[in-house]
Amino acid sequence: MLIEIHPKLPMRNKAITKEFYIHKLGFREYGNMDYEAYLMLEKDNISIHFFEFKDLVPAENYGQVYIRTNDIDGFYKFLLDHKIAIHPNGQLAIKPWGQKEFSLLDPDNNLLSFGQSL
């Protein structure tokens, strides 16, 4: 019965979050309303929502989302080609649980992990 999920992550600054996700990761804004303290972005078949949290301390943020992909090597290469920093502990690797994964941090320290089943 469940058909979609739209994770909500904190952001300190809408313009910075929008810039990172759109111009660096290839997302696009969707919806027909521009909310002052809320942002909705999508790429391919996923969407992520962001809510304003101006007092967020990035070092204390534990926001995380796990995103499945069907072309992890291609997306990883896209990010490297565009000089996107990969998490130092999240380089592309095959994990013991049968996933090929990598991770990165957004400007607010939200952890984005990407994985593909082997």
PDB file of N, CA and C in Angstrom:
ATOM      1  N   MET A   1       0.780  -1.190   0.000  1.00  0.00           N
ATOM      2  CA  MET A   1       0.000   0.000   0.000  1.00  0.00           C
ATOM      3  C   MET A   1       0.836   1.274   0.000  1.00  0.00           C
ATOM      4  N   LEU A   2       2.023   1.248   0.603  1.00  0.00           N
ATOM      5  CA  LEU A   2       2.871   2.430   0.610  1.00  0.00           C
ATOM      6  C   LEU A   2       3.506   2.593  -0.767  1.00  0.00           C
ATOM      7  N   ILE A   3       3.502   3.806  -1.290  1.00  0.00           N
ATOM      8  CA  ILE A   3       4.011   3.976  -2.650  1.00  0.00           C
ATOM      9  C   ILE A   3       5.143   4.988  -2.793  1.00  0.00           C
ATOM     10  N   GLU A   4       5.317   5.890  -1.855  1.00  0.00           N
ATOM     11  CA  GLU A   4       6.377   6.884  -1.955  1.00  0.00           C
ATOM     12  C   GLU A   4       6.820   7.294  -0.563  1.00  0.00           C
ATOM     13  N   ILE A   5       8.009   7.892  -0.519  1.00  0.00           N
ATOM     14  CA  ILE A   5       8.480   8.507   0.708  1.00  0.00           C
ATOM     15  C   ILE A   5       9.157   9.820   0.333  1.00  0.00           C
ATOM     16  N   HIS A   6       8.939  10.832   1.136  1.00  0.00           N
ATOM     17  CA  HIS A   6       9.527  12.144   0.912  1.00  0.00           C
ATOM     18  C   HIS A   6      10.220  12.578   2.200  1.00  0.00           C
ATOM     19  N   PRO A   7      11.481  12.190   2.365  1.00  0.00           N
ATOM     20  CA  PRO A   7      12.166  12.570   3.603  1.00  0.00           C
ATOM     21  C   PRO A   7      12.264  14.084   3.738  1.00  0.00           C
ATOM     22  N   LYS A   8      12.236  14.543   4.980  1.00  0.00           N
ATOM     23  CA  LYS A   8      12.377  15.962   5.283  1.00  0.00           C
ATOM     24  C   LYS A   8      13.667  16.152   6.060  1.00  0.00           C
ATOM     25  N   LEU A   9      14.522  17.014   5.552  1.00  0.00           N
ATOM     26  CA  LEU A   9      15.810  17.284   6.177  1.00  0.00           C
ATOM     27  C   LEU A   9      15.896  18.758   6.562  1.00  0.00           C
ATOM     28  N   PRO A  10      16.659  19.071   7.612  1.00  0.00           N
ATOM     29  CA  PRO A  10      16.801  20.463   8.012  1.00  0.00           C
ATOM     30  C   PRO A  10      17.766  21.223   7.105  1.00  0.00           C
ATOM     31  N   MET A  11      17.503  22.513   6.959  1.00  0.00           N
ATOM     32  CA  MET A  11      18.405  23.405   6.213  1.00  0.00           C
ATOM     33  C   MET A  11      18.484  24.730   6.962  1.00  0.00           C
ATOM     34  N   ARG A  12      19.650  25.322   6.945  1.00  0.00           N
ATOM     35  CA  ARG A  12      19.812  26.630   7.573  1.00  0.00           C
ATOM     36  C   ARG A  12      19.479  27.756   6.612  1.00  0.00           C
ATOM     37  N   ASN A  13      19.813  27.568   5.348  1.00  0.00           N
ATOM     38  CA  ASN A  13      19.668  28.634   4.369  1.00  0.00           C
ATOM     39  C   ASN A  13      19.129  28.038   3.070  1.00  0.00           C
ATOM     40  N   LYS A  14      17.937  28.447   2.698  1.00  0.00           N
ATOM     41  CA  LYS A  14      17.273  27.885   1.522  1.00  0.00           C
ATOM     42  C   LYS A  14      18.092  28.089   0.243  1.00  0.00           C
ATOM     43  N   ALA A  15      18.660  29.258   0.057  1.00  0.00           N
ATOM     44  CA  ALA A  15      19.428  29.551  -1.162  1.00  0.00           C
ATOM     45  C   ALA A  15      20.644  28.641  -1.286  1.00  0.00           C
ATOM     46  N   ILE A  16      21.338  28.408  -0.184  1.00  0.00           N
ATOM     47  CA  ILE A  16      22.527  27.550  -0.203  1.00  0.00           C
ATOM     48  C   ILE A  16      22.130  26.096  -0.474  1.00  0.00           C
ATOM     49  N   THR A  17      21.070  25.639   0.168  1.00  0.00           N
ATOM     50  CA  THR A  17      20.596  24.267  -0.046  1.00  0.00           C
ATOM     51  C   THR A  17      20.166  24.083  -1.497  1.00  0.00           C
ATOM     52  N   LYS A  18      19.417  25.026  -1.999  1.00  0.00           N
ATOM     53  CA  LYS A  18      18.936  24.979  -3.381  1.00  0.00           C
ATOM     54  C   LYS A  18      20.112  24.945  -4.362  1.00  0.00           C
ATOM     55  N   GLU A  19      21.085  25.789  -4.147  1.00  0.00           N
ATOM     56  CA  GLU A  19      22.278  25.841  -5.008  1.00  0.00           C
ATOM     57  C   GLU A  19      22.993  24.489  -5.025  1.00  0.00           C
ATOM     58  N   PHE A  20      23.211  23.913  -3.854  1.00  0.00           N
ATOM     59  CA  PHE A  20      23.933  22.642  -3.765  1.00  0.00           C
ATOM     60  C   PHE A  20      23.189  21.533  -4.494  1.00  0.00           C
ATOM     61  N   TYR A  21      21.940  21.350  -4.188  1.00  0.00           N
ATOM     62  CA  TYR A  21      21.189  20.228  -4.756  1.00  0.00           C
ATOM     63  C   TYR A  21      20.903  20.410  -6.249  1.00  0.00           C
ATOM     64  N   ILE A  22      20.610  21.625  -6.673  1.00  0.00           N
ATOM     65  CA  ILE A  22      20.279  21.847  -8.084  1.00  0.00           C
ATOM     66  C   ILE A  22      21.542  21.908  -8.943  1.00  0.00           C
ATOM     67  N   HIS A  23      22.485  22.746  -8.564  1.00  0.00           N
ATOM     68  CA  HIS A  23      23.649  22.964  -9.422  1.00  0.00           C
ATOM     69  C   HIS A  23      24.771  21.956  -9.229  1.00  0.00           C
ATOM     70  N   LYS A  24      24.786  21.275  -8.124  1.00  0.00           N
ATOM     71  CA  LYS A  24      25.854  20.291  -7.918  1.00  0.00           C
ATOM     72  C   LYS A  24      25.371  18.853  -8.079  1.00  0.00           C
ATOM     73  N   LEU A  25      24.177  18.547  -7.570  1.00  0.00           N
ATOM     74  CA  LEU A  25      23.693  17.158  -7.625  1.00  0.00           C
ATOM     75  C   LEU A  25      22.696  16.907  -8.755  1.00  0.00           C
ATOM     76  N   GLY A  26      22.232  17.950  -9.420  1.00  0.00           N
ATOM     77  CA  GLY A  26      21.342  17.768 -10.556  1.00  0.00           C
ATOM     78  C   GLY A  26      19.865  17.628 -10.224  1.00  0.00           C
ATOM     79  N   PHE A  27      19.450  18.051  -9.034  1.00  0.00           N
ATOM     80  CA  PHE A  27      18.035  18.039  -8.668  1.00  0.00           C
ATOM     81  C   PHE A  27      17.349  19.226  -9.348  1.00  0.00           C
ATOM     82  N   ARG A  28      16.040  19.277  -9.257  1.00  0.00           N
ATOM     83  CA  ARG A  28      15.273  20.432  -9.714  1.00  0.00           C
ATOM     84  C   ARG A  28      14.178  20.710  -8.691  1.00  0.00           C
ATOM     85  N   GLU A  29      13.783  21.957  -8.643  1.00  0.00           N
ATOM     86  CA  GLU A  29      12.707  22.340  -7.737  1.00  0.00           C
ATOM     87  C   GLU A  29      11.382  21.891  -8.340  1.00  0.00           C
ATOM     88  N   TYR A  30      10.448  21.482  -7.497  1.00  0.00           N
ATOM     89  CA  TYR A  30       9.138  21.130  -8.019  1.00  0.00           C
ATOM     90  C   TYR A  30       8.043  21.710  -7.148  1.00  0.00           C
ATOM     91  N   GLY A  31       6.854  21.652  -7.661  1.00  0.00           N
ATOM     92  CA  GLY A  31       5.721  22.284  -6.994  1.00  0.00           C
ATOM     93  C   GLY A  31       5.485  23.648  -7.614  1.00  0.00           C
ATOM     94  N   ASN A  32       4.324  24.187  -7.383  1.00  0.00           N
ATOM     95  CA  ASN A  32       3.997  25.480  -7.968  1.00  0.00           C
ATOM     96  C   ASN A  32       3.950  26.596  -6.931  1.00  0.00           C
ATOM     97  N   MET A  33       4.441  26.321  -5.743  1.00  0.00           N
ATOM     98  CA  MET A  33       4.476  27.333  -4.685  1.00  0.00           C
ATOM     99  C   MET A  33       5.920  27.495  -4.209  1.00  0.00           C
ATOM    100  N   ASP A  34       6.283  28.716  -3.874  1.00  0.00           N
ATOM    101  CA  ASP A  34       7.602  28.987  -3.314  1.00  0.00           C
ATOM    102  C   ASP A  34       7.407  29.390  -1.859  1.00  0.00           C
ATOM    103  N   TYR A  35       7.615  28.425  -0.982  1.00  0.00           N
ATOM    104  CA  TYR A  35       7.449  28.676   0.451  1.00  0.00           C
ATOM    105  C   TYR A  35       8.726  29.274   1.019  1.00  0.00           C
ATOM    106  N   GLU A  36       8.581  30.248   1.868  1.00  0.00           N
ATOM    107  CA  GLU A  36       9.744  30.946   2.415  1.00  0.00           C
ATOM    108  C   GLU A  36      10.679  30.011   3.187  1.00  0.00           C
ATOM    109  N   ALA A  37      10.141  29.124   3.973  1.00  0.00           N
ATOM    110  CA  ALA A  37      10.958  28.298   4.863  1.00  0.00           C
ATOM    111  C   ALA A  37      10.880  26.815   4.533  1.00  0.00           C
ATOM    112  N   TYR A  38      10.546  26.492   3.284  1.00  0.00           N
ATOM    113  CA  TYR A  38      10.378  25.097   2.891  1.00  0.00           C
ATOM    114  C   TYR A  38      10.821  24.945   1.442  1.00  0.00           C
ATOM    115  N   LEU A  39      11.423  23.811   1.126  1.00  0.00           N
ATOM    116  CA  LEU A  39      11.941  23.568  -0.214  1.00  0.00           C
ATOM    117  C   LEU A  39      11.655  22.134  -0.597  1.00  0.00           C
ATOM    118  N   MET A  40      11.183  21.936  -1.828  1.00  0.00           N
ATOM    119  CA  MET A  40      10.924  20.588  -2.343  1.00  0.00           C
ATOM    120  C   MET A  40      11.745  20.401  -3.620  1.00  0.00           C
ATOM    121  N   LEU A  41      12.551  19.363  -3.634  1.00  0.00           N
ATOM    122  CA  LEU A  41      13.421  19.083  -4.769  1.00  0.00           C
ATOM    123  C   LEU A  41      13.218  17.657  -5.237  1.00  0.00           C
ATOM    124  N   GLU A  42      13.473  17.416  -6.522  1.00  0.00           N
ATOM    125  CA  GLU A  42      13.359  16.069  -7.061  1.00  0.00           C
ATOM    126  C   GLU A  42      14.441  15.813  -8.088  1.00  0.00           C
ATOM    127  N   LYS A  43      14.743  14.541  -8.256  1.00  0.00           N
ATOM    128  CA  LYS A  43      15.676  14.069  -9.283  1.00  0.00           C
ATOM    129  C   LYS A  43      15.229  12.668  -9.640  1.00  0.00           C
ATOM    130  N   ASP A  44      15.043  12.432 -10.920  1.00  0.00           N
ATOM    131  CA  ASP A  44      14.578  11.134 -11.394  1.00  0.00           C
ATOM    132  C   ASP A  44      13.287  10.759 -10.663  1.00  0.00           C
ATOM    133  N   ASN A  45      13.294   9.680  -9.883  1.00  0.00           N
ATOM    134  CA  ASN A  45      12.072   9.217  -9.216  1.00  0.00           C
ATOM    135  C   ASN A  45      12.037   9.475  -7.716  1.00  0.00           C
ATOM    136  N   ILE A  46      12.900  10.367  -7.232  1.00  0.00           N
ATOM    137  CA  ILE A  46      12.902  10.637  -5.787  1.00  0.00           C
ATOM    138  C   ILE A  46      12.675  12.126  -5.523  1.00  0.00           C
ATOM    139  N   SER A  47      12.224  12.409  -4.331  1.00  0.00           N
ATOM    140  CA  SER A  47      12.119  13.804  -3.893  1.00  0.00           C
ATOM    141  C   SER A  47      12.584  13.896  -2.446  1.00  0.00           C
ATOM    142  N   ILE A  48      13.125  15.055  -2.130  1.00  0.00           N
ATOM    143  CA  ILE A  48      13.551  15.366  -0.771  1.00  0.00           C
ATOM    144  C   ILE A  48      12.968  16.732  -0.430  1.00  0.00           C
ATOM    145  N   HIS A  49      12.411  16.828   0.762  1.00  0.00           N
ATOM    146  CA  HIS A  49      11.889  18.098   1.255  1.00  0.00           C
ATOM    147  C   HIS A  49      12.848  18.632   2.312  1.00  0.00           C
ATOM    148  N   PHE A  50      12.888  19.939   2.441  1.00  0.00           N
ATOM    149  CA  PHE A  50      13.747  20.602   3.423  1.00  0.00           C
ATOM    150  C   PHE A  50      12.927  21.626   4.189  1.00  0.00           C
ATOM    151  N   PHE A  51      13.148  21.677   5.487  1.00  0.00           N
ATOM    152  CA  PHE A  51      12.494  22.676   6.325  1.00  0.00           C
ATOM    153  C   PHE A  51      13.556  23.573   6.933  1.00  0.00           C
ATOM    154  N   GLU A  52      13.213  24.838   7.077  1.00  0.00           N
ATOM    155  CA  GLU A  52      14.166  25.795   7.626  1.00  0.00           C
ATOM    156  C   GLU A  52      14.388  25.560   9.114  1.00  0.00           C
ATOM    157  N   PHE A  53      15.656  25.529   9.487  1.00  0.00           N
ATOM    158  CA  PHE A  53      16.072  25.391  10.877  1.00  0.00           C
ATOM    159  C   PHE A  53      17.303  26.279  11.021  1.00  0.00           C
ATOM    160  N   LYS A  54      17.061  27.584  11.201  1.00  0.00           N
ATOM    161  CA  LYS A  54      18.142  28.575  11.196  1.00  0.00           C
ATOM    162  C   LYS A  54      19.168  28.352  12.295  1.00  0.00           C
ATOM    163  N   ASP A  55      18.750  27.774  13.421  1.00  0.00           N
ATOM    164  CA  ASP A  55      19.671  27.576  14.539  1.00  0.00           C
ATOM    165  C   ASP A  55      20.377  26.223  14.501  1.00  0.00           C
ATOM    166  N   LEU A  56      20.235  25.507  13.398  1.00  0.00           N
ATOM    167  CA  LEU A  56      20.885  24.200  13.265  1.00  0.00           C
ATOM    168  C   LEU A  56      22.394  24.344  13.409  1.00  0.00           C
ATOM    169  N   VAL A  57      22.973  23.484  14.207  1.00  0.00           N
ATOM    170  CA  VAL A  57      24.426  23.401  14.330  1.00  0.00           C
ATOM    171  C   VAL A  57      24.846  22.187  13.501  1.00  0.00           C
ATOM    172  N   PRO A  58      25.491  22.401  12.341  1.00  0.00           N
ATOM    173  CA  PRO A  58      25.796  21.279  11.463  1.00  0.00           C
ATOM    174  C   PRO A  58      26.511  20.110  12.147  1.00  0.00           C
ATOM    175  N   ALA A  59      27.414  20.406  13.050  1.00  0.00           N
ATOM    176  CA  ALA A  59      28.146  19.327  13.734  1.00  0.00           C
ATOM    177  C   ALA A  59      27.235  18.483  14.615  1.00  0.00           C
ATOM    178  N   GLU A  60      26.054  19.002  14.949  1.00  0.00           N
ATOM    179  CA  GLU A  60      25.101  18.271  15.786  1.00  0.00           C
ATOM    180  C   GLU A  60      23.934  17.707  14.978  1.00  0.00           C
ATOM    181  N   ASN A  61      23.991  17.840  13.657  1.00  0.00           N
ATOM    182  CA  ASN A  61      22.904  17.369  12.796  1.00  0.00           C
ATOM    183  C   ASN A  61      23.108  15.903  12.435  1.00  0.00           C
ATOM    184  N   TYR A  62      22.092  15.118  12.668  1.00  0.00           N
ATOM    185  CA  TYR A  62      22.154  13.690  12.339  1.00  0.00           C
ATOM    186  C   TYR A  62      21.152  13.333  11.241  1.00  0.00           C
ATOM    187  N   GLY A  63      20.740  14.340  10.436  1.00  0.00           N
ATOM    188  CA  GLY A  63      19.838  14.065   9.327  1.00  0.00           C
ATOM    189  C   GLY A  63      20.496  13.121   8.330  1.00  0.00           C
ATOM    190  N   GLN A  64      19.762  12.104   7.916  1.00  0.00           N
ATOM    191  CA  GLN A  64      20.300  11.116   6.990  1.00  0.00           C
ATOM    192  C   GLN A  64      19.202  10.625   6.059  1.00  0.00           C
ATOM    193  N   VAL A  65      19.602  10.273   4.851  1.00  0.00           N
ATOM    194  CA  VAL A  65      18.684   9.635   3.916  1.00  0.00           C
ATOM    195  C   VAL A  65      19.504   8.640   3.086  1.00  0.00           C
ATOM    196  N   TYR A  66      18.904   7.484   2.834  1.00  0.00           N
ATOM    197  CA  TYR A  66      19.540   6.445   2.019  1.00  0.00           C
ATOM    198  C   TYR A  66      18.788   6.393   0.694  1.00  0.00           C
ATOM    199  N   ILE A  67      19.515   6.573  -0.393  1.00  0.00           N
ATOM    200  CA  ILE A  67      18.906   6.657  -1.723  1.00  0.00           C
ATOM    201  C   ILE A  67      19.409   5.494  -2.573  1.00  0.00           C
ATOM    202  N   ARG A  68      18.488   4.700  -3.055  1.00  0.00           N
ATOM    203  CA  ARG A  68      18.857   3.599  -3.951  1.00  0.00           C
ATOM    204  C   ARG A  68      18.970   4.108  -5.379  1.00  0.00           C
ATOM    205  N   THR A  69      19.906   3.526  -6.109  1.00  0.00           N
ATOM    206  CA  THR A  69      20.141   3.897  -7.493  1.00  0.00           C
ATOM    207  C   THR A  69      20.323   2.642  -8.338  1.00  0.00           C
ATOM    208  N   ASN A  70      20.138   2.768  -9.635  1.00  0.00           N
ATOM    209  CA  ASN A  70      20.393   1.638 -10.529  1.00  0.00           C
ATOM    210  C   ASN A  70      21.635   1.886 -11.386  1.00  0.00           C
ATOM    211  N   ASP A  71      22.384   2.965 -11.080  1.00  0.00           N
ATOM    212  CA  ASP A  71      23.630   3.270 -11.787  1.00  0.00           C
ATOM    213  C   ASP A  71      24.585   3.979 -10.842  1.00  0.00           C
ATOM    214  N   ILE A  72      24.995   3.281  -9.819  1.00  0.00           N
ATOM    215  CA  ILE A  72      25.840   3.915  -8.798  1.00  0.00           C
ATOM    216  C   ILE A  72      27.186   4.346  -9.354  1.00  0.00           C
ATOM    217  N   ASP A  73      27.750   3.544 -10.251  1.00  0.00           N
ATOM    218  CA  ASP A  73      29.050   3.911 -10.824  1.00  0.00           C
ATOM    219  C   ASP A  73      28.933   5.192 -11.650  1.00  0.00           C
ATOM    220  N   GLY A  74      27.880   5.303 -12.445  1.00  0.00           N
ATOM    221  CA  GLY A  74      27.681   6.499 -13.259  1.00  0.00           C
ATOM    222  C   GLY A  74      27.443   7.736 -12.419  1.00  0.00           C
ATOM    223  N   PHE A  75      26.629   7.607 -11.368  1.00  0.00           N
ATOM    224  CA  PHE A  75      26.345   8.762 -10.517  1.00  0.00           C
ATOM    225  C   PHE A  75      27.593   9.172  -9.731  1.00  0.00           C
ATOM    226  N   TYR A  76      28.341   8.191  -9.243  1.00  0.00           N
ATOM    227  CA  TYR A  76      29.590   8.470  -8.524  1.00  0.00           C
ATOM    228  C   TYR A  76      30.560   9.222  -9.439  1.00  0.00           C
ATOM    229  N   LYS A  77      30.700   8.758 -10.676  1.00  0.00           N
ATOM    230  CA  LYS A  77      31.586   9.420 -11.642  1.00  0.00           C
ATOM    231  C   LYS A  77      31.101  10.847 -11.921  1.00  0.00           C
ATOM    232  N   PHE A  78      29.795  11.027 -12.083  1.00  0.00           N
ATOM    233  CA  PHE A  78      29.222  12.368 -12.289  1.00  0.00           C
ATOM    234  C   PHE A  78      29.643  13.299 -11.150  1.00  0.00           C
ATOM    235  N   LEU A  79      29.516  12.834  -9.914  1.00  0.00           N
ATOM    236  CA  LEU A  79      29.879  13.657  -8.763  1.00  0.00           C
ATOM    237  C   LEU A  79      31.363  13.981  -8.750  1.00  0.00           C
ATOM    238  N   LEU A  80      32.205  12.991  -9.005  1.00  0.00           N
ATOM    239  CA  LEU A  80      33.646  13.234  -9.040  1.00  0.00           C
ATOM    240  C   LEU A  80      34.010  14.202 -10.162  1.00  0.00           C
ATOM    241  N   ASP A  81      33.403  14.018 -11.338  1.00  0.00           N
ATOM    242  CA  ASP A  81      33.666  14.917 -12.469  1.00  0.00           C
ATOM    243  C   ASP A  81      33.268  16.352 -12.153  1.00  0.00           C
ATOM    244  N   HIS A  82      32.264  16.518 -11.284  1.00  0.00           N
ATOM    245  CA  HIS A  82      31.807  17.854 -10.908  1.00  0.00           C
ATOM    246  C   HIS A  82      32.398  18.329  -9.577  1.00  0.00           C
ATOM    247  N   LYS A  83      33.440  17.649  -9.149  1.00  0.00           N
ATOM    248  CA  LYS A  83      34.210  18.052  -7.959  1.00  0.00           C
ATOM    249  C   LYS A  83      33.368  18.104  -6.688  1.00  0.00           C
ATOM    250  N   ILE A  84      32.419  17.167  -6.560  1.00  0.00           N
ATOM    251  CA  ILE A  84      31.606  17.075  -5.357  1.00  0.00           C
ATOM    252  C   ILE A  84      32.376  16.233  -4.340  1.00  0.00           C
ATOM    253  N   ALA A  85      32.510  16.755  -3.140  1.00  0.00           N
ATOM    254  CA  ALA A  85      33.265  16.039  -2.103  1.00  0.00           C
ATOM    255  C   ALA A  85      32.502  14.814  -1.622  1.00  0.00           C
ATOM    256  N   ILE A  86      33.155  13.681  -1.663  1.00  0.00           N
ATOM    257  CA  ILE A  86      32.624  12.432  -1.129  1.00  0.00           C
ATOM    258  C   ILE A  86      33.037  12.363   0.343  1.00  0.00           C
ATOM    259  N   HIS A  87      32.165  11.835   1.181  1.00  0.00           N
ATOM    260  CA  HIS A  87      32.474  11.727   2.612  1.00  0.00           C
ATOM    261  C   HIS A  87      33.778  10.945   2.770  1.00  0.00           C
ATOM    262  N   PRO A  88      34.698  11.411   3.612  1.00  0.00           N
ATOM    263  CA  PRO A  88      35.978  10.713   3.775  1.00  0.00           C
ATOM    264  C   PRO A  88      35.823   9.251   4.204  1.00  0.00           C
ATOM    265  N   ASN A  89      34.767   8.934   4.931  1.00  0.00           N
ATOM    266  CA  ASN A  89      34.525   7.545   5.331  1.00  0.00           C
ATOM    267  C   ASN A  89      33.475   6.890   4.447  1.00  0.00           C
ATOM    268  N   GLY A  90      33.141   7.516   3.322  1.00  0.00           N
ATOM    269  CA  GLY A  90      32.058   7.006   2.503  1.00  0.00           C
ATOM    270  C   GLY A  90      32.410   6.829   1.040  1.00  0.00           C
ATOM    271  N   GLN A  91      33.657   6.488   0.759  1.00  0.00           N
ATOM    272  CA  GLN A  91      34.054   6.244  -0.624  1.00  0.00           C
ATOM    273  C   GLN A  91      33.284   5.066  -1.204  1.00  0.00           C
ATOM    274  N   LEU A  92      33.145   5.020  -2.506  1.00  0.00           N
ATOM    275  CA  LEU A  92      32.440   3.941  -3.181  1.00  0.00           C
ATOM    276  C   LEU A  92      33.086   2.600  -2.831  1.00  0.00           C
ATOM    277  N   ALA A  93      32.270   1.690  -2.308  1.00  0.00           N
ATOM    278  CA  ALA A  93      32.786   0.384  -1.879  1.00  0.00           C
ATOM    279  C   ALA A  93      31.657  -0.640  -1.869  1.00  0.00           C
ATOM    280  N   ILE A  94      32.042  -1.880  -2.009  1.00  0.00           N
ATOM    281  CA  ILE A  94      31.094  -2.985  -1.869  1.00  0.00           C
ATOM    282  C   ILE A  94      31.034  -3.351  -0.393  1.00  0.00           C
ATOM    283  N   LYS A  95      29.839  -3.351   0.142  1.00  0.00           N
ATOM    284  CA  LYS A  95      29.635  -3.607   1.567  1.00  0.00           C
ATOM    285  C   LYS A  95      29.302  -5.080   1.805  1.00  0.00           C
ATOM    286  N   PRO A  96      29.561  -5.585   3.013  1.00  0.00           N
ATOM    287  CA  PRO A  96      29.283  -6.995   3.325  1.00  0.00           C
ATOM    288  C   PRO A  96      27.811  -7.373   3.193  1.00  0.00           C
ATOM    289  N   TRP A  97      26.918  -6.388   3.229  1.00  0.00           N
ATOM    290  CA  TRP A  97      25.483  -6.673   3.152  1.00  0.00           C
ATOM    291  C   TRP A  97      24.966  -6.691   1.712  1.00  0.00           C
ATOM    292  N   GLY A  98      25.894  -6.719   0.732  1.00  0.00           N
ATOM    293  CA  GLY A  98      25.493  -6.894  -0.656  1.00  0.00           C
ATOM    294  C   GLY A  98      25.094  -5.629  -1.383  1.00  0.00           C
ATOM    295  N   GLN A  99      25.572  -4.489  -0.898  1.00  0.00           N
ATOM    296  CA  GLN A  99      25.293  -3.215  -1.543  1.00  0.00           C
ATOM    297  C   GLN A  99      26.606  -2.570  -1.969  1.00  0.00           C
ATOM    298  N   LYS A 100      26.576  -1.853  -3.068  1.00  0.00           N
ATOM    299  CA  LYS A 100      27.680  -0.983  -3.448  1.00  0.00           C
ATOM    300  C   LYS A 100      27.222   0.411  -3.049  1.00  0.00           C
ATOM    301  N   GLU A 101      28.011   1.107  -2.236  1.00  0.00           N
ATOM    302  CA  GLU A 101      27.552   2.353  -1.620  1.00  0.00           C
ATOM    303  C   GLU A 101      28.628   3.431  -1.586  1.00  0.00           C
ATOM    304  N   PHE A 102      28.168   4.672  -1.447  1.00  0.00           N
ATOM    305  CA  PHE A 102      29.026   5.797  -1.091  1.00  0.00           C
ATOM    306  C   PHE A 102      28.159   6.840  -0.404  1.00  0.00           C
ATOM    307  N   SER A 103      28.799   7.823   0.227  1.00  0.00           N
ATOM    308  CA  SER A 103      28.069   8.856   0.966  1.00  0.00           C
ATOM    309  C   SER A 103      28.713  10.217   0.762  1.00  0.00           C
ATOM    310  N   LEU A 104      27.907  11.247   0.981  1.00  0.00           N
ATOM    311  CA  LEU A 104      28.400  12.619   0.980  1.00  0.00           C
ATOM    312  C   LEU A 104      27.581  13.436   1.966  1.00  0.00           C
ATOM    313  N   LEU A 105      28.093  14.602   2.291  1.00  0.00           N
ATOM    314  CA  LEU A 105      27.401  15.515   3.205  1.00  0.00           C
ATOM    315  C   LEU A 105      26.951  16.745   2.443  1.00  0.00           C
ATOM    316  N   ASP A 106      25.754  17.225   2.746  1.00  0.00           N
ATOM    317  CA  ASP A 106      25.290  18.471   2.135  1.00  0.00           C
ATOM    318  C   ASP A 106      25.761  19.647   2.997  1.00  0.00           C
ATOM    319  N   PRO A 107      25.470  20.875   2.616  1.00  0.00           N
ATOM    320  CA  PRO A 107      25.974  22.028   3.371  1.00  0.00           C
ATOM    321  C   PRO A 107      25.529  22.088   4.835  1.00  0.00           C
ATOM    322  N   ASP A 108      24.481  21.358   5.204  1.00  0.00           N
ATOM    323  CA  ASP A 108      24.005  21.356   6.589  1.00  0.00           C
ATOM    324  C   ASP A 108      24.380  20.096   7.342  1.00  0.00           C
ATOM    325  N   ASN A 109      25.267  19.315   6.749  1.00  0.00           N
ATOM    326  CA  ASN A 109      25.763  18.084   7.359  1.00  0.00           C
ATOM    327  C   ASN A 109      24.738  16.950   7.332  1.00  0.00           C
ATOM    328  N   ASN A 110      23.730  17.040   6.457  1.00  0.00           N
ATOM    329  CA  ASN A 110      22.831  15.904   6.238  1.00  0.00           C
ATOM    330  C   ASN A 110      23.616  14.858   5.451  1.00  0.00           C
ATOM    331  N   LEU A 111      23.583  13.626   5.918  1.00  0.00           N
ATOM    332  CA  LEU A 111      24.308  12.547   5.261  1.00  0.00           C
ATOM    333  C   LEU A 111      23.434  11.931   4.174  1.00  0.00           C
ATOM    334  N   LEU A 112      23.933  11.963   2.945  1.00  0.00           N
ATOM    335  CA  LEU A 112      23.249  11.328   1.817  1.00  0.00           C
ATOM    336  C   LEU A 112      24.043  10.088   1.444  1.00  0.00           C
ATOM    337  N   SER A 113      23.443   8.928   1.629  1.00  0.00           N
ATOM    338  CA  SER A 113      24.089   7.669   1.256  1.00  0.00           C
ATOM    339  C   SER A 113      23.378   7.128   0.028  1.00  0.00           C
ATOM    340  N   PHE A 114      24.150   6.656  -0.925  1.00  0.00           N
ATOM    341  CA  PHE A 114      23.626   6.113  -2.175  1.00  0.00           C
ATOM    342  C   PHE A 114      24.044   4.662  -2.263  1.00  0.00           C
ATOM    343  N   GLY A 115      23.106   3.803  -2.655  1.00  0.00           N
ATOM    344  CA  GLY A 115      23.425   2.379  -2.721  1.00  0.00           C
ATOM    345  C   GLY A 115      22.736   1.680  -3.876  1.00  0.00           C
ATOM    346  N   GLN A 116      23.392   0.615  -4.327  1.00  0.00           N
ATOM    347  CA  GLN A 116      22.853  -0.235  -5.382  1.00  0.00           C
ATOM    348  C   GLN A 116      23.080  -1.684  -4.989  1.00  0.00           C
ATOM    349  N   SER A 117      22.044  -2.486  -5.117  1.00  0.00           N
ATOM    350  CA  SER A 117      22.175  -3.911  -4.819  1.00  0.00           C
ATOM    351  C   SER A 117      23.060  -4.564  -5.867  1.00  0.00           C
ATOM    352  N   LEU A 118      23.849  -5.506  -5.416  1.00  0.00           N
ATOM    353  CA  LEU A 118      24.708  -6.246  -6.356  1.00  0.00           C
ATOM    354  C   LEU A 118      23.968  -7.393  -6.983  1.00  0.00           C
TER     355      LEU A 118
END
